[in-house]
Amino acid sequence: SIFSINTMGWYRQTTEKQRELVAVISSGGNTNYADSVKGRFTLSR
């Protein structure tokens, strides 16, 4: 049951680190990446 989706994305977590943002994308296609993955990861929707 979904009316609309705003943002979708990915986070990651290890036992040593808190859950951190990997990449998110807005409904309009704007993306935001963690510095550690820029140039290597691509998020699409």
Full PDB file with SEQRES, HELIX, SHEET, SSBOND, CRYST1, ORIGX, SCALE, CONECT and MASTER records, all heavy atoms in Angstrom:
SEQRES   1 A   45  SER ILE PHE SER ILE ASN THR MET GLY TRP TYR ARG GLN          
SEQRES   2 A   45  THR THR GLU LYS GLN ARG GLU LEU VAL ALA VAL ILE SER          
SEQRES   3 A   45  SER GLY GLY ASN THR ASN TYR ALA ASP SER VAL LYS GLY          
SEQRES   4 A   45  ARG PHE THR LEU SER ARG                                      
HELIX    1 AA1 ASP A   35  VAL A   37  5                                   3    
SHEET    1 AA1 3 MET A   8  ARG A  12  0                                        
SHEET    2 AA1 3 GLU A  20  ILE A  25 -1                                        
SHEET    3 AA1 3 THR A  31  TYR A  33 -1                                        
CRYST1    1.000    1.000    1.000  90.00  90.00  90.00 P 1           1          
ORIGX1      1.000000  0.000000  0.000000        0.00000                         
ORIGX2      0.000000  1.000000  0.000000        0.00000                         
ORIGX3      0.000000  0.000000  1.000000        0.00000                         
SCALE1      1.000000  0.000000  0.000000        0.00000                         
SCALE2      0.000000  1.000000  0.000000        0.00000                         
SCALE3      0.000000  0.000000  1.000000        0.00000                         
ATOM      1  N   SER A   1       0.847  -1.186   0.000  1.00  0.00           N  
ATOM      2  CA  SER A   1       0.000   0.000   0.000  1.00  0.00           C  
ATOM      3  C   SER A   1       0.887   1.243   0.000  1.00  0.00           C  
ATOM      4  O   SER A   1       1.408   1.649   1.045  1.00  0.00           O  
ATOM      5  CB  SER A   1      -0.928  -0.007   1.219  1.00  0.00           C  
ATOM      6  OG  SER A   1      -1.753   1.140   1.241  1.00  0.00           O  
ATOM      7  N   ILE A   2       1.050   1.831  -1.168  1.00  0.00           N  
ATOM      8  CA  ILE A   2       1.934   2.983  -1.344  1.00  0.00           C  
ATOM      9  C   ILE A   2       1.209   4.045  -2.145  1.00  0.00           C  
ATOM     10  O   ILE A   2       0.738   3.772  -3.251  1.00  0.00           O  
ATOM     11  CB  ILE A   2       3.239   2.582  -2.052  1.00  0.00           C  
ATOM     12  CG1 ILE A   2       4.010   1.548  -1.229  1.00  0.00           C  
ATOM     13  CG2 ILE A   2       4.094   3.821  -2.309  1.00  0.00           C  
ATOM     14  CD1 ILE A   2       5.200   0.969  -1.948  1.00  0.00           C  
ATOM     15  N   PHE A   3       1.161   5.233  -1.603  1.00  0.00           N  
ATOM     16  CA  PHE A   3       0.596   6.363  -2.327  1.00  0.00           C  
ATOM     17  C   PHE A   3       1.662   7.045  -3.177  1.00  0.00           C  
ATOM     18  O   PHE A   3       1.442   7.308  -4.361  1.00  0.00           O  
ATOM     19  CB  PHE A   3      -0.053   7.358  -1.360  1.00  0.00           C  
ATOM     20  CG  PHE A   3      -0.610   8.576  -2.032  1.00  0.00           C  
ATOM     21  CD1 PHE A   3      -1.776   8.508  -2.768  1.00  0.00           C  
ATOM     22  CD2 PHE A   3       0.033   9.806  -1.933  1.00  0.00           C  
ATOM     23  CE1 PHE A   3      -2.300   9.626  -3.396  1.00  0.00           C  
ATOM     24  CE2 PHE A   3      -0.480  10.936  -2.547  1.00  0.00           C  
ATOM     25  CZ  PHE A   3      -1.657  10.842  -3.281  1.00  0.00           C  
ATOM     26  N   SER A   4       2.784   7.331  -2.570  1.00  0.00           N  
ATOM     27  CA  SER A   4       3.886   7.937  -3.291  1.00  0.00           C  
ATOM     28  C   SER A   4       5.174   7.680  -2.530  1.00  0.00           C  
ATOM     29  O   SER A   4       5.167   7.504  -1.313  1.00  0.00           O  
ATOM     30  CB  SER A   4       3.675   9.442  -3.488  1.00  0.00           C  
ATOM     31  OG  SER A   4       3.648  10.116  -2.245  1.00  0.00           O  
ATOM     32  N   ILE A   5       6.270   7.686  -3.257  1.00  0.00           N  
ATOM     33  CA  ILE A   5       7.588   7.499  -2.673  1.00  0.00           C  
ATOM     34  C   ILE A   5       8.386   8.778  -2.845  1.00  0.00           C  
ATOM     35  O   ILE A   5       8.484   9.316  -3.948  1.00  0.00           O  
ATOM     36  CB  ILE A   5       8.329   6.317  -3.309  1.00  0.00           C  
ATOM     37  CG1 ILE A   5       7.572   5.013  -3.062  1.00  0.00           C  
ATOM     38  CG2 ILE A   5       9.751   6.217  -2.758  1.00  0.00           C  
ATOM     39  CD1 ILE A   5       8.214   3.793  -3.681  1.00  0.00           C  
ATOM     40  N   ASN A   6       8.955   9.237  -1.759  1.00  0.00           N  
ATOM     41  CA  ASN A   6       9.786  10.434  -1.792  1.00  0.00           C  
ATOM     42  C   ASN A   6      11.218  10.061  -2.196  1.00  0.00           C  
ATOM     43  O   ASN A   6      11.599  10.182  -3.354  1.00  0.00           O  
ATOM     44  CB  ASN A   6       9.752  11.130  -0.433  1.00  0.00           C  
ATOM     45  CG  ASN A   6      10.567  12.406  -0.420  1.00  0.00           C  
ATOM     46  OD1 ASN A   6      10.862  12.993  -1.461  1.00  0.00           O  
ATOM     47  ND2 ASN A   6      10.956  12.842   0.773  1.00  0.00           N  
ATOM     48  N   THR A   7      11.981   9.591  -1.246  1.00  0.00           N  
ATOM     49  CA  THR A   7      13.350   9.175  -1.534  1.00  0.00           C  
ATOM     50  C   THR A   7      13.506   7.681  -1.320  1.00  0.00           C  
ATOM     51  O   THR A   7      12.792   7.070  -0.536  1.00  0.00           O  
ATOM     52  CB  THR A   7      14.365   9.918  -0.655  1.00  0.00           C  
ATOM     53  OG1 THR A   7      14.085   9.656   0.727  1.00  0.00           O  
ATOM     54  CG2 THR A   7      14.299  11.417  -0.898  1.00  0.00           C  
ATOM     55  N   MET A   8      14.464   7.115  -2.019  1.00  0.00           N  
ATOM     56  CA  MET A   8      14.894   5.744  -1.788  1.00  0.00           C  
ATOM     57  C   MET A   8      16.411   5.723  -1.792  1.00  0.00           C  
ATOM     58  O   MET A   8      17.047   6.582  -2.401  1.00  0.00           O  
ATOM     59  CB  MET A   8      14.356   4.789  -2.849  1.00  0.00           C  
ATOM     60  CG  MET A   8      12.845   4.646  -2.871  1.00  0.00           C  
ATOM     61  SD  MET A   8      12.265   3.349  -4.005  1.00  0.00           S  
ATOM     62  CE  MET A   8      12.760   1.867  -3.089  1.00  0.00           C  
ATOM     63  N   GLY A   9      16.963   4.756  -1.122  1.00  0.00           N  
ATOM     64  CA  GLY A   9      18.410   4.682  -1.110  1.00  0.00           C  
ATOM     65  C   GLY A   9      18.925   3.508  -0.324  1.00  0.00           C  
ATOM     66  O   GLY A   9      18.182   2.592   0.040  1.00  0.00           O  
ATOM     67  N   TRP A  10      20.226   3.564  -0.089  1.00  0.00           N  
ATOM     68  CA  TRP A  10      20.924   2.488   0.592  1.00  0.00           C  
ATOM     69  C   TRP A  10      21.790   3.029   1.707  1.00  0.00           C  
ATOM     70  O   TRP A  10      22.452   4.063   1.552  1.00  0.00           O  
ATOM     71  CB  TRP A  10      21.808   1.709  -0.387  1.00  0.00           C  
ATOM     72  CG  TRP A  10      21.034   0.908  -1.391  1.00  0.00           C  
ATOM     73  CD1 TRP A  10      20.627   1.314  -2.615  1.00  0.00           C  
ATOM     74  CD2 TRP A  10      20.584  -0.437  -1.229  1.00  0.00           C  
ATOM     75  NE1 TRP A  10      19.941   0.308  -3.248  1.00  0.00           N  
ATOM     76  CE2 TRP A  10      19.900  -0.782  -2.420  1.00  0.00           C  
ATOM     77  CE3 TRP A  10      20.687  -1.382  -0.218  1.00  0.00           C  
ATOM     78  CZ2 TRP A  10      19.324  -2.036  -2.616  1.00  0.00           C  
ATOM     79  CZ3 TRP A  10      20.111  -2.627  -0.408  1.00  0.00           C  
ATOM     80  CH2 TRP A  10      19.447  -2.942  -1.590  1.00  0.00           C  
ATOM     81  N   TYR A  11      21.781   2.325   2.816  1.00  0.00           N  
ATOM     82  CA  TYR A  11      22.688   2.547   3.927  1.00  0.00           C  
ATOM     83  C   TYR A  11      23.456   1.255   4.168  1.00  0.00           C  
ATOM     84  O   TYR A  11      23.047   0.190   3.714  1.00  0.00           O  
ATOM     85  CB  TYR A  11      21.930   2.943   5.195  1.00  0.00           C  
ATOM     86  CG  TYR A  11      21.343   4.341   5.161  1.00  0.00           C  
ATOM     87  CD1 TYR A  11      20.298   4.666   4.303  1.00  0.00           C  
ATOM     88  CD2 TYR A  11      21.834   5.334   6.004  1.00  0.00           C  
ATOM     89  CE1 TYR A  11      19.764   5.938   4.271  1.00  0.00           C  
ATOM     90  CE2 TYR A  11      21.297   6.612   5.986  1.00  0.00           C  
ATOM     91  CZ  TYR A  11      20.267   6.909   5.126  1.00  0.00           C  
ATOM     92  OH  TYR A  11      19.735   8.179   5.101  1.00  0.00           O  
ATOM     93  N   ARG A  12      24.553   1.355   4.888  1.00  0.00           N  
ATOM     94  CA  ARG A  12      25.300   0.153   5.219  1.00  0.00           C  
ATOM     95  C   ARG A  12      25.782   0.232   6.659  1.00  0.00           C  
ATOM     96  O   ARG A  12      25.950   1.302   7.227  1.00  0.00           O  
ATOM     97  CB  ARG A  12      26.474  -0.066   4.265  1.00  0.00           C  
ATOM     98  CG  ARG A  12      27.572   0.990   4.328  1.00  0.00           C  
ATOM     99  CD  ARG A  12      28.574   0.758   3.205  1.00  0.00           C  
ATOM    100  NE  ARG A  12      29.669   1.720   3.234  1.00  0.00           N  
ATOM    101  CZ  ARG A  12      30.592   1.838   2.290  1.00  0.00           C  
ATOM    102  NH1 ARG A  12      30.552   1.023   1.221  1.00  0.00           N  
ATOM    103  NH2 ARG A  12      31.553   2.741   2.397  1.00  0.00           N  
ATOM    104  N   GLN A  13      26.023  -0.944   7.232  1.00  0.00           N  
ATOM    105  CA  GLN A  13      26.373  -1.024   8.639  1.00  0.00           C  
ATOM    106  C   GLN A  13      27.290  -2.210   8.887  1.00  0.00           C  
ATOM    107  O   GLN A  13      27.099  -3.290   8.323  1.00  0.00           O  
ATOM    108  CB  GLN A  13      25.108  -1.163   9.487  1.00  0.00           C  
ATOM    109  CG  GLN A  13      25.340  -1.128  10.982  1.00  0.00           C  
ATOM    110  CD  GLN A  13      24.041  -1.095  11.763  1.00  0.00           C  
ATOM    111  OE1 GLN A  13      22.954  -1.266  11.197  1.00  0.00           O  
ATOM    112  NE2 GLN A  13      24.137  -0.864  13.057  1.00  0.00           N  
ATOM    113  N   THR A  14      28.291  -1.985   9.721  1.00  0.00           N  
ATOM    114  CA  THR A  14      29.154  -3.043  10.217  1.00  0.00           C  
ATOM    115  C   THR A  14      29.060  -3.069  11.731  1.00  0.00           C  
ATOM    116  O   THR A  14      28.471  -2.182  12.353  1.00  0.00           O  
ATOM    117  CB  THR A  14      30.612  -2.832   9.785  1.00  0.00           C  
ATOM    118  OG1 THR A  14      31.150  -1.679  10.446  1.00  0.00           O  
ATOM    119  CG2 THR A  14      30.714  -2.623   8.278  1.00  0.00           C  
ATOM    120  N   THR A  15      29.680  -4.078  12.330  1.00  0.00           N  
ATOM    121  CA  THR A  15      29.683  -4.146  13.782  1.00  0.00           C  
ATOM    122  C   THR A  15      30.518  -3.040  14.404  1.00  0.00           C  
ATOM    123  O   THR A  15      30.321  -2.693  15.566  1.00  0.00           O  
ATOM    124  CB  THR A  15      30.205  -5.502  14.255  1.00  0.00           C  
ATOM    125  OG1 THR A  15      31.498  -5.749  13.693  1.00  0.00           O  
ATOM    126  CG2 THR A  15      29.268  -6.623  13.821  1.00  0.00           C  
ATOM    127  N   GLU A  16      31.448  -2.481  13.628  1.00  0.00           N  
ATOM    128  CA  GLU A  16      32.341  -1.450  14.137  1.00  0.00           C  
ATOM    129  C   GLU A  16      31.828  -0.032  13.911  1.00  0.00           C  
ATOM    130  O   GLU A  16      32.293   0.907  14.570  1.00  0.00           O  
ATOM    131  CB  GLU A  16      33.728  -1.581  13.490  1.00  0.00           C  
ATOM    132  CG  GLU A  16      34.494  -2.824  13.882  1.00  0.00           C  
ATOM    133  CD  GLU A  16      34.037  -4.054  13.118  1.00  0.00           C  
ATOM    134  OE1 GLU A  16      33.505  -3.884  11.995  1.00  0.00           O  
ATOM    135  OE2 GLU A  16      34.209  -5.175  13.623  1.00  0.00           O  
ATOM    136  N   LYS A  17      30.905   0.148  12.983  1.00  0.00           N  
ATOM    137  CA  LYS A  17      30.441   1.471  12.620  1.00  0.00           C  
ATOM    138  C   LYS A  17      28.919   1.548  12.678  1.00  0.00           C  
ATOM    139  O   LYS A  17      28.215   0.561  12.489  1.00  0.00           O  
ATOM    140  CB  LYS A  17      30.913   1.852  11.211  1.00  0.00           C  
ATOM    141  CG  LYS A  17      32.416   1.881  11.035  1.00  0.00           C  
ATOM    142  CD  LYS A  17      32.805   2.142   9.586  1.00  0.00           C  
ATOM    143  CE  LYS A  17      32.369   3.503   9.108  1.00  0.00           C  
ATOM    144  NZ  LYS A  17      32.820   3.772   7.709  1.00  0.00           N  
ATOM    145  N   GLN A  18      28.432   2.760  12.930  1.00  0.00           N  
ATOM    146  CA  GLN A  18      27.001   2.996  12.867  1.00  0.00           C  
ATOM    147  C   GLN A  18      26.524   2.932  11.420  1.00  0.00           C  
ATOM    148  O   GLN A  18      27.311   3.052  10.480  1.00  0.00           O  
ATOM    149  CB  GLN A  18      26.655   4.360  13.470  1.00  0.00           C  
ATOM    150  CG  GLN A  18      26.972   4.494  14.944  1.00  0.00           C  
ATOM    151  CD  GLN A  18      26.544   5.845  15.489  1.00  0.00           C  
ATOM    152  OE1 GLN A  18      25.898   6.635  14.807  1.00  0.00           O  
ATOM    153  NE2 GLN A  18      26.909   6.103  16.729  1.00  0.00           N  
ATOM    154  N   ARG A  19      25.242   2.748  11.279  1.00  0.00           N  
ATOM    155  CA  ARG A  19      24.674   2.736   9.943  1.00  0.00           C  
ATOM    156  C   ARG A  19      24.942   4.079   9.257  1.00  0.00           C  
ATOM    157  O   ARG A  19      24.679   5.146   9.823  1.00  0.00           O  
ATOM    158  CB  ARG A  19      23.179   2.459  10.005  1.00  0.00           C  
ATOM    159  CG  ARG A  19      22.534   2.217   8.660  1.00  0.00           C  
ATOM    160  CD  ARG A  19      21.086   1.755   8.802  1.00  0.00           C  
ATOM    161  NE  ARG A  19      20.970   0.519   9.561  1.00  0.00           N  
ATOM    162  CZ  ARG A  19      19.829  -0.147   9.732  1.00  0.00           C  
ATOM    163  NH1 ARG A  19      18.705   0.294   9.173  1.00  0.00           N  
ATOM    164  NH2 ARG A  19      19.815  -1.258  10.450  1.00  0.00           N  
ATOM    165  N   GLU A  20      25.464   4.030   8.048  1.00  0.00           N  
ATOM    166  CA  GLU A  20      25.847   5.229   7.340  1.00  0.00           C  
ATOM    167  C   GLU A  20      25.220   5.269   5.956  1.00  0.00           C  
ATOM    168  O   GLU A  20      24.952   4.241   5.337  1.00  0.00           O  
ATOM    169  CB  GLU A  20      27.372   5.330   7.212  1.00  0.00           C  
ATOM    170  CG  GLU A  20      27.992   4.235   6.366  1.00  0.00           C  
ATOM    171  CD  GLU A  20      29.491   4.391   6.200  1.00  0.00           C  
ATOM    172  OE1 GLU A  20      30.064   5.360   6.728  1.00  0.00           O  
ATOM    173  OE2 GLU A  20      30.101   3.528   5.533  1.00  0.00           O  
ATOM    174  N   LEU A  21      25.025   6.478   5.481  1.00  0.00           N  
ATOM    175  CA  LEU A  21      24.473   6.674   4.146  1.00  0.00           C  
ATOM    176  C   LEU A  21      25.452   6.201   3.085  1.00  0.00           C  
ATOM    177  O   LEU A  21      26.636   6.522   3.132  1.00  0.00           O  
ATOM    178  CB  LEU A  21      24.160   8.151   3.927  1.00  0.00           C  
ATOM    179  CG  LEU A  21      23.781   8.559   2.504  1.00  0.00           C  
ATOM    180  CD1 LEU A  21      22.380   8.044   2.174  1.00  0.00           C  
ATOM    181  CD2 LEU A  21      23.841  10.067   2.336  1.00  0.00           C  
ATOM    182  N   VAL A  22      24.951   5.450   2.130  1.00  0.00           N  
ATOM    183  CA  VAL A  22      25.706   5.104   0.938  1.00  0.00           C  
ATOM    184  C   VAL A  22      25.274   5.992  -0.214  1.00  0.00           C  
ATOM    185  O   VAL A  22      26.089   6.677  -0.836  1.00  0.00           O  
ATOM    186  CB  VAL A  22      25.539   3.625   0.563  1.00  0.00           C  
ATOM    187  CG1 VAL A  22      26.300   3.306  -0.726  1.00  0.00           C  
ATOM    188  CG2 VAL A  22      26.012   2.727   1.699  1.00  0.00           C  
ATOM    189  N   ALA A  23      23.991   5.982  -0.512  1.00  0.00           N  
ATOM    190  CA  ALA A  23      23.458   6.785  -1.601  1.00  0.00           C  
ATOM    191  C   ALA A  23      21.956   6.897  -1.445  1.00  0.00           C  
ATOM    192  O   ALA A  23      21.295   5.953  -1.009  1.00  0.00           O  
ATOM    193  CB  ALA A  23      23.800   6.169  -2.963  1.00  0.00           C  
ATOM    194  N   VAL A  24      21.421   8.058  -1.796  1.00  0.00           N  
ATOM    195  CA  VAL A  24      19.981   8.266  -1.825  1.00  0.00           C  
ATOM    196  C   VAL A  24      19.610   8.969  -3.112  1.00  0.00           C  
ATOM    197  O   VAL A  24      20.422   9.679  -3.702  1.00  0.00           O  
ATOM    198  CB  VAL A  24      19.468   9.081  -0.616  1.00  0.00           C  
ATOM    199  CG1 VAL A  24      19.647   8.301   0.673  1.00  0.00           C  
ATOM    200  CG2 VAL A  24      20.160  10.428  -0.531  1.00  0.00           C  
ATOM    201  N   ILE A  25      18.367   8.781  -3.529  1.00  0.00           N  
ATOM    202  CA  ILE A  25      17.879   9.393  -4.750  1.00  0.00           C  
ATOM    203  C   ILE A  25      16.467   9.900  -4.521  1.00  0.00           C  
ATOM    204  O   ILE A  25      15.640   9.234  -3.894  1.00  0.00           O  
ATOM    205  CB  ILE A  25      17.947   8.398  -5.935  1.00  0.00           C  
ATOM    206  CG1 ILE A  25      17.610   9.092  -7.256  1.00  0.00           C  
ATOM    207  CG2 ILE A  25      17.051   7.193  -5.692  1.00  0.00           C  
ATOM    208  CD1 ILE A  25      17.941   8.243  -8.479  1.00  0.00           C  
ATOM    209  N   SER A  26      16.192  11.081  -5.020  1.00  0.00           N  
ATOM    210  CA  SER A  26      14.876  11.680  -4.885  1.00  0.00           C  
ATOM    211  C   SER A  26      13.961  11.188  -5.994  1.00  0.00           C  
ATOM    212  O   SER A  26      14.381  10.528  -6.945  1.00  0.00           O  
ATOM    213  CB  SER A  26      14.980  13.203  -4.922  1.00  0.00           C  
ATOM    214  OG  SER A  26      15.302  13.651  -6.224  1.00  0.00           O  
ATOM    215  N   SER A  27      12.690  11.531  -5.867  1.00  0.00           N  
ATOM    216  CA  SER A  27      11.733  11.150  -6.899  1.00  0.00           C  
ATOM    217  C   SER A  27      12.073  11.779  -8.240  1.00  0.00           C  
ATOM    218  O   SER A  27      11.727  11.217  -9.286  1.00  0.00           O  
ATOM    219  CB  SER A  27      10.314  11.549  -6.481  1.00  0.00           C  
ATOM    220  OG  SER A  27      10.215  12.950  -6.283  1.00  0.00           O  
ATOM    221  N   GLY A  28      12.747  12.918  -8.218  1.00  0.00           N  
ATOM    222  CA  GLY A  28      13.153  13.582  -9.435  1.00  0.00           C  
ATOM    223  C   GLY A  28      14.477  13.125  -9.993  1.00  0.00           C  
ATOM    224  O   GLY A  28      14.908  13.625 -11.040  1.00  0.00           O  
ATOM    225  N   GLY A  29      15.143  12.203  -9.305  1.00  0.00           N  
ATOM    226  CA  GLY A  29      16.385  11.653  -9.808  1.00  0.00           C  
ATOM    227  C   GLY A  29      17.647  12.288  -9.268  1.00  0.00           C  
ATOM    228  O   GLY A  29      18.747  11.914  -9.692  1.00  0.00           O  
ATOM    229  N   ASN A  30      17.528  13.237  -8.351  1.00  0.00           N  
ATOM    230  CA  ASN A  30      18.717  13.813  -7.736  1.00  0.00           C  
ATOM    231  C   ASN A  30      19.340  12.818  -6.771  1.00  0.00           C  
ATOM    232  O   ASN A  30      18.639  12.192  -5.977  1.00  0.00           O  
ATOM    233  CB  ASN A  30      18.371  15.103  -7.002  1.00  0.00           C  
ATOM    234  CG  ASN A  30      17.907  16.194  -7.936  1.00  0.00           C  
ATOM    235  OD1 ASN A  30      18.431  16.346  -9.036  1.00  0.00           O  
ATOM    236  ND2 ASN A  30      16.921  16.962  -7.499  1.00  0.00           N  
ATOM    237  N   THR A  31      20.654  12.696  -6.823  1.00  0.00           N  
ATOM    238  CA  THR A  31      21.358  11.712  -6.021  1.00  0.00           C  
ATOM    239  C   THR A  31      22.325  12.363  -5.053  1.00  0.00           C  
ATOM    240  O   THR A  31      22.812  13.472  -5.275  1.00  0.00           O  
ATOM    241  CB  THR A  31      22.138  10.728  -6.904  1.00  0.00           C  
ATOM    242  OG1 THR A  31      22.984  11.459  -7.804  1.00  0.00           O  
ATOM    243  CG2 THR A  31      21.185   9.864  -7.708  1.00  0.00           C  
ATOM    244  N   ASN A  32      22.607  11.640  -3.984  1.00  0.00           N  
ATOM    245  CA  ASN A  32      23.593  12.045  -2.999  1.00  0.00           C  
ATOM    246  C   ASN A  32      24.368  10.803  -2.591  1.00  0.00           C  
ATOM    247  O   ASN A  32      23.762   9.807  -2.194  1.00  0.00           O  
ATOM    248  CB  ASN A  32      22.923  12.692  -1.787  1.00  0.00           C  
ATOM    249  CG  ASN A  32      23.915  13.255  -0.800  1.00  0.00           C  
ATOM    250  OD1 ASN A  32      25.020  13.635  -1.164  1.00  0.00           O  
ATOM    251  ND2 ASN A  32      23.517  13.326   0.464  1.00  0.00           N  
ATOM    252  N   TYR A  33      25.694  10.877  -2.686  1.00  0.00           N  
ATOM    253  CA  TYR A  33      26.553   9.738  -2.395  1.00  0.00           C  
ATOM    254  C   TYR A  33      27.497  10.042  -1.252  1.00  0.00           C  
ATOM    255  O   TYR A  33      27.942  11.181  -1.084  1.00  0.00           O  
ATOM    256  CB  TYR A  33      27.406   9.368  -3.613  1.00  0.00           C  
ATOM    257  CG  TYR A  33      26.644   8.918  -4.829  1.00  0.00           C  
ATOM    258  CD1 TYR A  33      26.273   9.827  -5.810  1.00  0.00           C  
ATOM    259  CD2 TYR A  33      26.314   7.584  -5.009  1.00  0.00           C  
ATOM    260  CE1 TYR A  33      25.590   9.414  -6.940  1.00  0.00           C  
ATOM    261  CE2 TYR A  33      25.631   7.160  -6.136  1.00  0.00           C  
ATOM    262  CZ  TYR A  33      25.271   8.079  -7.099  1.00  0.00           C  
ATOM    263  OH  TYR A  33      24.592   7.663  -8.220  1.00  0.00           O  
ATOM    264  N   ALA A  34      27.817   9.010  -0.505  1.00  0.00           N  
ATOM    265  CA  ALA A  34      28.914   9.122   0.437  1.00  0.00           C  
ATOM    266  C   ALA A  34      30.211   9.350  -0.323  1.00  0.00           C  
ATOM    267  O   ALA A  34      30.412   8.803  -1.416  1.00  0.00           O  
ATOM    268  CB  ALA A  34      29.016   7.858   1.286  1.00  0.00           C  
ATOM    269  N   ASP A  35      31.098  10.150   0.252  1.00  0.00           N  
ATOM    270  CA  ASP A  35      32.363  10.440  -0.418  1.00  0.00           C  
ATOM    271  C   ASP A  35      33.143   9.168  -0.734  1.00  0.00           C  
ATOM    272  O   ASP A  35      33.835   9.091  -1.754  1.00  0.00           O  
ATOM    273  CB  ASP A  35      33.222  11.367   0.438  1.00  0.00           C  
ATOM    274  CG  ASP A  35      32.691  12.784   0.483  1.00  0.00           C  
ATOM    275  OD1 ASP A  35      31.889  13.154  -0.400  1.00  0.00           O  
ATOM    276  OD2 ASP A  35      33.083  13.530   1.398  1.00  0.00           O  
ATOM    277  N   SER A  36      33.037   8.179   0.119  1.00  0.00           N  
ATOM    278  CA  SER A  36      33.815   6.964  -0.040  1.00  0.00           C  
ATOM    279  C   SER A  36      33.404   6.131  -1.246  1.00  0.00           C  
ATOM    280  O   SER A  36      34.165   5.256  -1.673  1.00  0.00           O  
ATOM    281  CB  SER A  36      33.717   6.108   1.227  1.00  0.00           C  
ATOM    282  OG  SER A  36      32.376   5.758   1.498  1.00  0.00           O  
ATOM    283  N   VAL A  37      32.223   6.386  -1.804  1.00  0.00           N  
ATOM    284  CA  VAL A  37      31.750   5.580  -2.924  1.00  0.00           C  
ATOM    285  C   VAL A  37      31.587   6.378  -4.202  1.00  0.00           C  
ATOM    286  O   VAL A  37      31.278   5.792  -5.253  1.00  0.00           O  
ATOM    287  CB  VAL A  37      30.423   4.865  -2.595  1.00  0.00           C  
ATOM    288  CG1 VAL A  37      30.547   4.084  -1.294  1.00  0.00           C  
ATOM    289  CG2 VAL A  37      29.271   5.866  -2.514  1.00  0.00           C  
ATOM    290  N   LYS A  38      31.795   7.676  -4.157  1.00  0.00           N  
ATOM    291  CA  LYS A  38      31.647   8.500  -5.350  1.00  0.00           C  
ATOM    292  C   LYS A  38      32.599   8.030  -6.446  1.00  0.00           C  
ATOM    293  O   LYS A  38      33.772   7.772  -6.205  1.00  0.00           O  
ATOM    294  CB  LYS A  38      31.907   9.967  -5.022  1.00  0.00           C  
ATOM    295  CG  LYS A  38      30.800  10.633  -4.236  1.00  0.00           C  
ATOM    296  CD  LYS A  38      31.121  12.100  -3.961  1.00  0.00           C  
ATOM    297  CE  LYS A  38      29.997  12.769  -3.189  1.00  0.00           C  
ATOM    298  NZ  LYS A  38      30.309  14.179  -2.861  1.00  0.00           N  
ATOM    299  N   GLY A  39      32.066   7.936  -7.640  1.00  0.00           N  
ATOM    300  CA  GLY A  39      32.852   7.482  -8.767  1.00  0.00           C  
ATOM    301  C   GLY A  39      32.867   5.987  -8.945  1.00  0.00           C  
ATOM    302  O   GLY A  39      33.283   5.501 -10.005  1.00  0.00           O  
ATOM    303  N   ARG A  40      32.435   5.246  -7.940  1.00  0.00           N  
ATOM    304  CA  ARG A  40      32.413   3.792  -8.014  1.00  0.00           C  
ATOM    305  C   ARG A  40      31.003   3.224  -8.003  1.00  0.00           C  
ATOM    306  O   ARG A  40      30.743   2.209  -8.651  1.00  0.00           O  
ATOM    307  CB  ARG A  40      33.210   3.182  -6.859  1.00  0.00           C  
ATOM    308  CG  ARG A  40      34.676   3.587  -6.838  1.00  0.00           C  
ATOM    309  CD  ARG A  40      35.456   2.817  -5.767  1.00  0.00           C  
ATOM    310  NE  ARG A  40      34.961   3.093  -4.425  1.00  0.00           N  
ATOM    311  CZ  ARG A  40      34.444   2.168  -3.618  1.00  0.00           C  
ATOM    312  NH1 ARG A  40      34.371   0.899  -4.012  1.00  0.00           N  
ATOM    313  NH2 ARG A  40      34.028   2.505  -2.401  1.00  0.00           N  
ATOM    314  N   PHE A  41      30.111   3.866  -7.248  1.00  0.00           N  
ATOM    315  CA  PHE A  41      28.736   3.395  -7.126  1.00  0.00           C  
ATOM    316  C   PHE A  41      27.810   4.322  -7.897  1.00  0.00           C  
ATOM    317  O   PHE A  41      28.028   5.539  -7.949  1.00  0.00           O  
ATOM    318  CB  PHE A  41      28.288   3.373  -5.666  1.00  0.00           C  
ATOM    319  CG  PHE A  41      28.956   2.345  -4.804  1.00  0.00           C  
ATOM    320  CD1 PHE A  41      30.040   1.607  -5.248  1.00  0.00           C  
ATOM    321  CD2 PHE A  41      28.490   2.123  -3.515  1.00  0.00           C  
ATOM    322  CE1 PHE A  41      30.657   0.664  -4.441  1.00  0.00           C  
ATOM    323  CE2 PHE A  41      29.089   1.183  -2.696  1.00  0.00           C  
ATOM    324  CZ  PHE A  41      30.169   0.457  -3.153  1.00  0.00           C  
ATOM    325  N   THR A  42      26.765   3.757  -8.460  1.00  0.00           N  
ATOM    326  CA  THR A  42      25.757   4.528  -9.161  1.00  0.00           C  
ATOM    327  C   THR A  42      24.374   4.083  -8.712  1.00  0.00           C  
ATOM    328  O   THR A  42      24.042   2.897  -8.776  1.00  0.00           O  
ATOM    329  CB  THR A  42      25.869   4.374 -10.685  1.00  0.00           C  
ATOM    330  OG1 THR A  42      27.176   4.775 -11.118  1.00  0.00           O  
ATOM    331  CG2 THR A  42      24.832   5.247 -11.384  1.00  0.00           C  
ATOM    332  N   LEU A  43      23.577   5.037  -8.264  1.00  0.00           N  
ATOM    333  CA  LEU A  43      22.224   4.757  -7.818  1.00  0.00           C  
ATOM    334  C   LEU A  43      21.242   5.228  -8.885  1.00  0.00           C  
ATOM    335  O   LEU A  43      21.337   6.368  -9.359  1.00  0.00           O  
ATOM    336  CB  LEU A  43      21.940   5.467  -6.499  1.00  0.00           C  
ATOM    337  CG  LEU A  43      20.588   5.208  -5.836  1.00  0.00           C  
ATOM    338  CD1 LEU A  43      20.471   3.750  -5.406  1.00  0.00           C  
ATOM    339  CD2 LEU A  43      20.401   6.133  -4.638  1.00  0.00           C  
ATOM    340  N   SER A  44      20.318   4.372  -9.246  1.00  0.00           N  
ATOM    341  CA  SER A  44      19.291   4.722 -10.211  1.00  0.00           C  
ATOM    342  C   SER A  44      17.927   4.302  -9.677  1.00  0.00           C  
ATOM    343  O   SER A  44      17.828   3.539  -8.715  1.00  0.00           O  
ATOM    344  CB  SER A  44      19.564   4.083 -11.574  1.00  0.00           C  
ATOM    345  OG  SER A  44      19.603   2.669 -11.473  1.00  0.00           O  
ATOM    346  N   ARG A  45      16.896   4.795 -10.335  1.00  0.00           N  
ATOM    347  CA  ARG A  45      15.545   4.590  -9.823  1.00  0.00           C  
ATOM    348  C   ARG A  45      14.583   4.388 -10.976  1.00  0.00           C  
ATOM    349  O   ARG A  45      14.620   5.118 -11.970  1.00  0.00           O  
ATOM    350  CB  ARG A  45      15.136   5.799  -8.976  1.00  0.00           C  
ATOM    351  CG  ARG A  45      13.737   5.794  -8.428  1.00  0.00           C  
ATOM    352  CD  ARG A  45      13.562   6.927  -7.433  1.00  0.00           C  
ATOM    353  NE  ARG A  45      12.229   6.989  -6.875  1.00  0.00           N  
ATOM    354  CZ  ARG A  45      11.879   7.724  -5.833  1.00  0.00           C  
ATOM    355  NH1 ARG A  45      12.787   8.479  -5.222  1.00  0.00           N  
ATOM    356  NH2 ARG A  45      10.636   7.722  -5.396  1.00  0.00           N  
TER     357      ARG A  45                                                      
MASTER        0    0    0    1    3    0    0    6  356    1    0    4          
END                                                                             
